[in-house]
Amino acid sequence: MPPKPHSPRPPEQAAPLYIRPEALKGRGSAWAIAHRFETDQREQHDDGWGSLDQLATEDHSPPRTEIIEEQTGRILSSNQSPDISFDLSINPYRGCEHGCIYCFARPTHAYLDMSPGLDFETRIVAKLNAAERLRASFASRAYQPRALCLGTATDAYQPIERKLMLTRGIIEVLSDCHHPFSLVTKSSGVERDLDLIAPMAARRLAAVYVSITTLDPDLARRLEPRAASPQRRLRTLKTLADAGVPVGVSVSPLIPFVNEPELERILEAAAEAGARSAFSIPLRLPWEVSPLFKDWLQQHAPDKAERVMARLHDLRGGRDNDPRFGSRMRGEGLWAELLSQRMRKACARFGLNRQRVELDLSQFRRPSAAAEQGELF
């Protein structure tokens, strides 16, 4: 069903709704920030955890996650960007409970007429028929297998996946059809599906990349409040590697003066845990992510805020964000080159490949052919 509409908000309440951080235990954003597609005024509300006046005097539990069920018409998204190594992506969810303050996907919630701030973390759209739509796409005679990545915008193994199992359903289709895929996650939940992923990996049909932005639990808790701890992610890397799955590490985003000093230590720890490859992307602040991240800096690193933004401007041509192909994933200028040199030297030192794992597209079978092949065994 479509997202629930919002009620009008009086004009004098048009400013972003700000909630005390201590009332948002385990959430990344303290703003229900308005967005660029907003055409009406919104009612100030908190989905059951109190108004601003109440919050000033009362203690409230954190906002609960609301699941919005959707029957999607299409599950495969095509990528036209020359900066990205895959051609197709699958995202079984819109929005993400992990609450990572830097998430570049936050503005996508604006297209749903919801806030890229708190709504992105607390109002999750679940594509209940994702596996069904994927099977139908693969059955089409027009479909040709291409490099496919799972969980590119929001984490396919965010907490609600434990209950809904949409990602597992998708991987079951990929396995049935012998379609190769890679996935990126910062969740230990991927270990649940090793019974599917490991056999595919043995046939060069699967690779997993674990996102590790910091080894500091305190910083991780503030940057990514509902994701797995850094040490748990390293254990996940080792578990996957021990099961024969080719694993890599994503040190993304690199935030100057925040997690950037840890780059080499993260790569070393990941290599020791079994990672074979690595990549990193400097912080991106598209659209509404910029004011959200600046607010986070003022709350959690006020002494670094000015330096962080100045360095980002050096990297992004004097702006908060540079969306141009060829620059957006790497940045430009002296600082971008220094980061690239550090990454290159560290990967060489720790034996990490900077190229993604090559998977085998030739094994793909359409659903009917895959079913017939299965009947032979």
Foldseek 3Di string as FASTA:
>chain_A
DADDDFDADPPVPQAWQAAPPVLAALAAFRTQGAADVDDGHGHQDDQPFDGPVCRVPDRGHHAAAAEAEDADPAFWDADPFPQDDWGIEGEQKQAAQLNQLQQPLLNVVVVSVGGSGVCSNRYMYGNLCNLVNVLVQLQDPPDAAIAYEYQPRHANPGPCCVPRVPVVSNLVSCQLFLHAYEYEHQALSVLVNCVRQLVSQVQQRYAYEYEDQAQDQVLCCNRRVRGDGNVSSLLSLLSCVVSVHAYAYENPAQFPPRRVVCVLVSLQSNLVSRHAAYDYFHRAQPGPSVVRVLVSCVVPPVVCSVVRQVVCCQQAVNDRHNPDRPRRRQGDDDVSVVSVVVVVVSCVVSNHHHDDRDGDSPSGDRNVRSVVVVVVD
